[in-house]
Protein backbone atom coordinates (compact mmCIF):
# COMPACT_ATOMS: atom_id res chain seq x y z
CA MET A 1 -140.34 69.61 84.25
CA LEU A 2 -143.43 68.16 82.58
CA SER A 3 -145.32 67.95 85.93
CA ARG A 4 -144.95 71.75 86.20
CA LEU A 5 -146.72 72.33 82.84
CA SER A 6 -150.46 72.94 82.81
CA PRO A 7 -152.58 71.31 80.15
CA GLY A 8 -155.43 73.62 81.19
CA VAL A 9 -153.37 76.73 80.32
CA PHE A 10 -152.38 75.15 77.05
CA ALA A 11 -155.98 74.37 76.13
CA THR A 12 -157.25 77.74 77.21
CA ILE A 13 -154.63 79.84 75.45
CA PHE A 14 -154.69 77.64 72.30
CA SER A 15 -158.43 77.79 71.92
CA ALA A 16 -158.56 81.56 72.58
CA VAL A 17 -155.69 82.46 70.18
CA TYR A 18 -156.86 80.02 67.51
CA THR A 19 -160.36 81.45 67.59
CA TYR A 20 -159.03 85.01 67.38
CA VAL A 21 -156.73 84.42 64.43
CA ALA A 22 -159.32 82.37 62.55
CA ILE A 23 -162.06 84.97 62.96
CA PHE A 24 -159.80 87.93 62.05
CA ASP A 25 -157.93 85.88 59.34
CA ILE A 26 -154.46 86.50 60.78
CA THR A 27 -151.88 84.01 59.49
CA PRO A 28 -148.08 84.06 59.37
CA PHE A 29 -148.00 81.96 56.22
CA LEU A 30 -150.16 80.39 53.54
CA TYR A 31 -150.09 76.90 52.16
CA TYR A 32 -150.92 76.09 48.56
CA PRO A 33 -151.66 72.33 48.31
CA LEU A 34 -151.69 72.21 44.48
CA THR A 35 -148.13 73.42 44.34
CA ASN A 36 -147.05 72.16 47.76
CA THR A 37 -145.84 75.68 48.59
CA PHE A 38 -145.63 77.52 51.87
CA THR A 39 -145.37 81.27 51.46
CA THR A 40 -145.84 84.42 53.57
CA THR A 41 -147.67 86.25 50.75
CA ALA A 42 -150.31 85.25 48.26
CA LEU A 43 -149.00 83.79 44.95
CA LEU A 44 -149.74 86.30 42.20
CA ASP A 45 -149.30 86.30 38.47
CA ALA A 46 -147.59 89.12 36.51
CA ALA A 47 -150.83 91.15 36.47
CA GLY A 48 -151.11 90.97 40.26
CA LYS A 49 -154.08 88.57 40.28
CA PRO A 50 -154.11 85.32 42.25
CA LEU A 51 -152.24 82.59 40.39
CA ARG A 52 -154.88 80.16 39.16
CA ALA A 53 -152.46 77.25 38.87
CA ALA A 54 -151.70 77.50 42.57
CA GLY A 55 -155.32 77.02 43.57
CA PRO A 56 -156.74 78.34 46.79
CA SER A 57 -154.53 79.02 49.76
CA MET A 58 -155.01 77.31 53.15
CA HIS A 59 -154.73 79.52 56.20
CA TRP A 60 -155.41 76.67 58.68
CA TYR A 61 -151.81 75.63 59.10
CA GLY A 62 -150.82 79.22 59.99
CA TRP A 63 -153.67 79.45 62.51
CA ILE A 64 -152.58 76.14 64.13
CA ALA A 65 -148.95 77.34 64.28
CA VAL A 66 -149.87 80.68 65.95
CA GLY A 67 -152.09 78.88 68.44
CA LEU A 68 -149.39 76.29 69.28
CA VAL A 69 -146.65 78.91 69.78
CA ALA A 70 -148.84 81.09 72.00
CA ALA A 71 -150.05 78.08 74.05
CA ILE A 72 -146.53 76.60 74.50
CA VAL A 73 -145.09 79.96 75.61
CA ALA A 74 -148.02 80.55 78.10
CA THR A 75 -147.67 77.01 79.40
CA LEU A 76 -143.97 77.50 80.04
CA ILE A 77 -144.45 80.89 81.71
CA ILE A 78 -147.52 80.19 83.93
CA PRO A 79 -146.71 77.52 86.54
CA ARG A 80 -149.28 74.88 87.23
CA SER A 81 -149.44 75.86 90.90
CA VAL A 82 -151.15 79.12 89.89
CA THR A 83 -153.94 77.40 87.98
CA GLN A 84 -154.29 74.20 89.93
CA ARG A 85 -157.26 75.28 92.08
CA PHE A 86 -159.69 76.06 89.25
CA GLU A 87 -158.14 74.12 86.34
CA ARG A 88 -160.08 70.90 86.85
CA HIS A 89 -163.45 72.61 86.90
CA LEU A 90 -163.04 75.31 84.25
CA VAL A 91 -160.70 73.86 81.62
CA TRP A 92 -163.63 72.96 79.39
CA ALA A 93 -165.17 76.44 79.38
CA PRO A 94 -162.73 78.31 77.05
CA ALA A 95 -162.79 75.47 74.54
CA LEU A 96 -166.60 75.44 74.55
CA ILE A 97 -166.72 79.22 74.13
CA ALA A 98 -164.17 79.09 71.28
CA THR A 99 -166.20 76.32 69.57
CA ILE A 100 -169.38 78.31 69.82
CA ALA A 101 -167.64 81.45 68.46
CA ILE A 102 -166.22 79.56 65.48
CA LEU A 103 -169.62 77.98 64.79
CA ILE A 104 -171.26 81.40 64.87
CA PHE A 105 -168.61 82.87 62.61
CA GLU A 106 -168.74 79.91 60.13
CA ARG A 107 -172.53 79.59 60.02
CA ARG A 108 -172.49 81.04 56.48
CA TRP A 109 -170.91 77.72 55.37
CA LEU A 110 -172.91 75.49 57.68
CA LEU A 111 -176.36 76.79 56.73
CA MET A 112 -176.00 76.73 52.96
């Protein structure tokens, strides 16, 4: 079973999906480290403002989860025989493109 799975498909789909959800800030859940809470919505106080005691939310875990699910599903659906011819030579390209896209998007933090 494992010999049928393609690491190239996994890497390609994971990097593409992760980049997309990170840039467009799509996440299925939020994590609040100060309160050790996972939630699907922002923690708000009675006035509807973000709960200060909860601290900032982390979207990263949600982005990783979405990327993993998409990559695992794609890896199980697309057989290795379909990608075998070009996988060795092009598997690095989607990850490189995704890294460049994330760096361009996050340059506001990197160039402070």
